[in-house]
C-alpha atoms as a PDB file:
ATOM      1  CA  MET A   1      -5.668  -2.567   4.420  1.00  0.00           C
ATOM      2  CA  ASP A   2      -6.898  -0.510   7.305  1.00  0.00           C
ATOM      3  CA  ARG A   3      -8.036  -3.634   9.198  1.00  0.00           C
ATOM      4  CA  LEU A   4      -4.603  -5.201   8.752  1.00  0.00           C
ATOM      5  CA  ARG A   5      -2.949  -1.978   9.891  1.00  0.00           C
ATOM      6  CA  SER A   6      -5.189  -1.787  12.958  1.00  0.00           C
ATOM      7  CA  SER A   7      -4.502  -5.411  13.873  1.00  0.00           C
ATOM      8  CA  LEU A   8      -0.754  -4.703  13.802  1.00  0.00           C
ATOM      9  CA  LYS A   9      -0.904  -1.569  15.945  1.00  0.00           C
ATOM     10  CA  GLY A  10       2.222  -1.239  18.063  1.00  0.00           C
ATOM     11  CA  LYS A  11       4.322  -3.288  15.633  1.00  0.00           C
ATOM     12  CA  PRO A  12       6.805  -1.831  13.139  1.00  0.00           C
ATOM     13  CA  PHE A  13       4.274  -1.805  10.301  1.00  0.00           C
ATOM     14  CA  GLU A  14       2.843   1.065   8.280  1.00  0.00           C
ATOM     15  CA  ILE A  15       0.781   1.495   5.146  1.00  0.00           C
ATOM     16  CA  LEU A  16       1.305   4.252   2.628  1.00  0.00           C
ATOM     17  CA  ALA A  17      -0.993   4.645  -0.356  1.00  0.00           C
ATOM     18  CA  VAL A  18       0.509   6.118  -3.507  1.00  0.00           C
ATOM     19  CA  ASN A  19      -1.728   7.707  -6.096  1.00  0.00           C
ATOM     20  CA  LEU A  20      -0.300   7.503  -9.589  1.00  0.00           C
ATOM     21  CA  ALA A  21      -0.471  10.702 -11.633  1.00  0.00           C
ATOM     22  CA  GLU A  22      -4.125  11.635 -11.079  1.00  0.00           C
ATOM     23  CA  PRO A  23      -5.430  15.184 -10.680  1.00  0.00           C
ATOM     24  CA  LEU A  24      -5.789  16.431  -7.114  1.00  0.00           C
ATOM     25  CA  SER A  25      -9.547  16.929  -7.564  1.00  0.00           C
ATOM     26  CA  ARG A  26     -10.001  13.233  -8.366  1.00  0.00           C
ATOM     27  CA  ILE A  27      -7.874  12.187  -5.374  1.00  0.00           C
ATOM     28  CA  GLU A  28      -9.866  14.433  -3.033  1.00  0.00           C
ATOM     29  CA  LYS A  29     -13.147  13.010  -4.343  1.00  0.00           C
ATOM     30  CA  PHE A  30     -11.908   9.453  -3.694  1.00  0.00           C
ATOM     31  CA  VAL A  31     -10.758  10.281  -0.150  1.00  0.00           C
ATOM     32  CA  ASP A  32     -14.097  11.957   0.570  1.00  0.00           C
ATOM     33  CA  THR A  33     -15.963   8.765  -0.354  1.00  0.00           C
ATOM     34  CA  MET A  34     -13.450   6.350   1.209  1.00  0.00           C
ATOM     35  CA  PRO A  35     -11.600   7.895   4.152  1.00  0.00           C
ATOM     36  CA  LEU A  36      -8.184   6.338   4.738  1.00  0.00           C
ATOM     37  CA  GLY A  37      -6.582   5.696   8.108  1.00  0.00           C
ATOM     38  CA  PHE A  38      -3.127   6.012   6.569  1.00  0.00           C
ATOM     39  CA  PRO A  39      -1.187   8.564   4.488  1.00  0.00           C
ATOM     40  CA  LEU A  40      -1.874   9.005   0.783  1.00  0.00           C
ATOM     41  CA  LEU A  41       1.147  10.127  -1.207  1.00  0.00           C
ATOM     42  CA  ARG A  42       0.922  11.635  -4.655  1.00  0.00           C
ATOM     43  CA  ASP A  43       3.152  10.392  -7.497  1.00  0.00           C
ATOM     44  CA  ARG A  44       2.559  13.360  -9.781  1.00  0.00           C
ATOM     45  CA  ASP A  45       4.802  12.324 -12.649  1.00  0.00           C
ATOM     46  CA  GLY A  46       4.643   8.531 -12.327  1.00  0.00           C
ATOM     47  CA  ALA A  47       8.302   8.231 -11.246  1.00  0.00           C
ATOM     48  CA  ALA A  48       7.524   5.988  -8.253  1.00  0.00           C
ATOM     49  CA  GLY A  49       5.315   3.755 -10.383  1.00  0.00           C
ATOM     50  CA  LYS A  50       8.119   3.349 -12.912  1.00  0.00           C
ATOM     51  CA  ALA A  51      10.796   2.776 -10.278  1.00  0.00           C
ATOM     52  CA  TRP A  52       8.713   0.079  -8.571  1.00  0.00           C
ATOM     53  CA  LYS A  53       7.601  -1.394 -11.906  1.00  0.00           C
ATOM     54  CA  ALA A  54       3.903  -1.119 -11.067  1.00  0.00           C
ATOM     55  CA  LYS A  55       2.457  -3.027 -14.033  1.00  0.00           C
ATOM     56  CA  LEU A  56      -1.192  -2.931 -12.958  1.00  0.00           C
ATOM     57  CA  LEU A  57      -3.221  -0.770 -10.659  1.00  0.00           C
ATOM     58  CA  PRO A  58      -3.702  -1.345  -7.873  1.00  0.00           C
ATOM     59  CA  SER A  59      -0.263  -2.709  -7.064  1.00  0.00           C
ATOM     60  CA  SER A  60       0.807  -3.529  -3.516  1.00  0.00           C
ATOM     61  CA  PHE A  61       4.352  -3.820  -2.229  1.00  0.00           C
ATOM     62  CA  LEU A  62       5.593  -5.006   1.153  1.00  0.00           C
ATOM     63  CA  ILE A  63       8.915  -3.404   1.971  1.00  0.00           C
ATOM     64  CA  GLY A  64      11.179  -5.049   4.525  1.00  0.00           C
ATOM     65  CA  ARG A  65      13.291  -3.342   7.142  1.00  0.00           C
ATOM     66  CA  ASP A  66      16.150  -3.485   4.648  1.00  0.00           C
ATOM     67  CA  GLY A  67      14.230  -1.165   2.308  1.00  0.00           C
ATOM     68  CA  LYS A  68      13.810  -3.864  -0.372  1.00  0.00           C
ATOM     69  CA  ILE A  69      10.573  -5.127  -1.880  1.00  0.00           C
ATOM     70  CA  HIS A  70       9.758  -8.579  -0.462  1.00  0.00           C
ATOM     71  CA  TYR A  71       6.194  -9.110  -1.698  1.00  0.00           C
ATOM     72  CA  VAL A  72       4.258  -7.804  -4.689  1.00  0.00           C
ATOM     73  CA  ALA A  73       0.569  -8.202  -5.456  1.00  0.00           C
ATOM     74  CA  TYR A  74      -1.127  -6.865  -8.580  1.00  0.00           C
ATOM     75  CA  GLY A  75      -4.845  -6.188  -8.578  1.00  0.00           C
ATOM     76  CA  GLU A  76      -7.200  -6.455  -5.637  1.00  0.00           C
ATOM     77  CA  ILE A  77      -5.991  -8.344  -2.594  1.00  0.00           C
ATOM     78  CA  ASP A  78      -7.654  -9.488   0.619  1.00  0.00           C
ATOM     79  CA  TRP A  79      -5.382  -8.020   3.283  1.00  0.00           C
ATOM     80  CA  THR A  80      -7.162 -10.068   5.948  1.00  0.00           C
ATOM     81  CA  SER A  81      -6.427 -13.441   4.304  1.00  0.00           C
ATOM     82  CA  ASP A  82      -4.278 -15.949   6.177  1.00  0.00           C
ATOM     83  CA  ALA A  83      -1.694 -16.062   3.360  1.00  0.00           C
ATOM     84  CA  VAL A  84      -1.144 -12.305   3.356  1.00  0.00           C
ATOM     85  CA  ARG A  85      -1.093 -12.078   7.156  1.00  0.00           C
ATOM     86  CA  ALA A  86       1.506 -14.890   7.248  1.00  0.00           C
ATOM     87  CA  ARG A  87       3.738 -13.032   4.768  1.00  0.00           C
ATOM     88  CA  VAL A  88       3.472  -9.815   6.774  1.00  0.00           C
ATOM     89  CA  ALA A  89       4.226 -11.663  10.031  1.00  0.00           C
ATOM     90  CA  GLU A  90       7.292 -13.220   8.399  1.00  0.00           C
ATOM     91  CA  LEU A  91       8.597  -9.790   7.416  1.00  0.00           C
ATOM     92  CA  LEU A  92       8.008  -8.415  10.914  1.00  0.00           C
ATOM     93  CA  GLN A  93      10.344 -11.003  12.490  1.00  0.00           C
END
């Protein structure tokens, strides 16, 4: 994700990670072992996960300029793949 974000620097693109209802100590331990170059938000009660219908973790959502979800991926995803980059480029137009 960070490589994709870096490659799109200067474009209207941002990544936000959302942690679903885990204790702060566990989140801090994760961030210590895998520093993120983007914000990590905390969904303390699972409301965001329910609202976005996150069926599996990890879940990834690309939100368009209109505020609507335009792409959903469940499970691990290669953010540097041509297919994903093409979808992101399409949303940036």
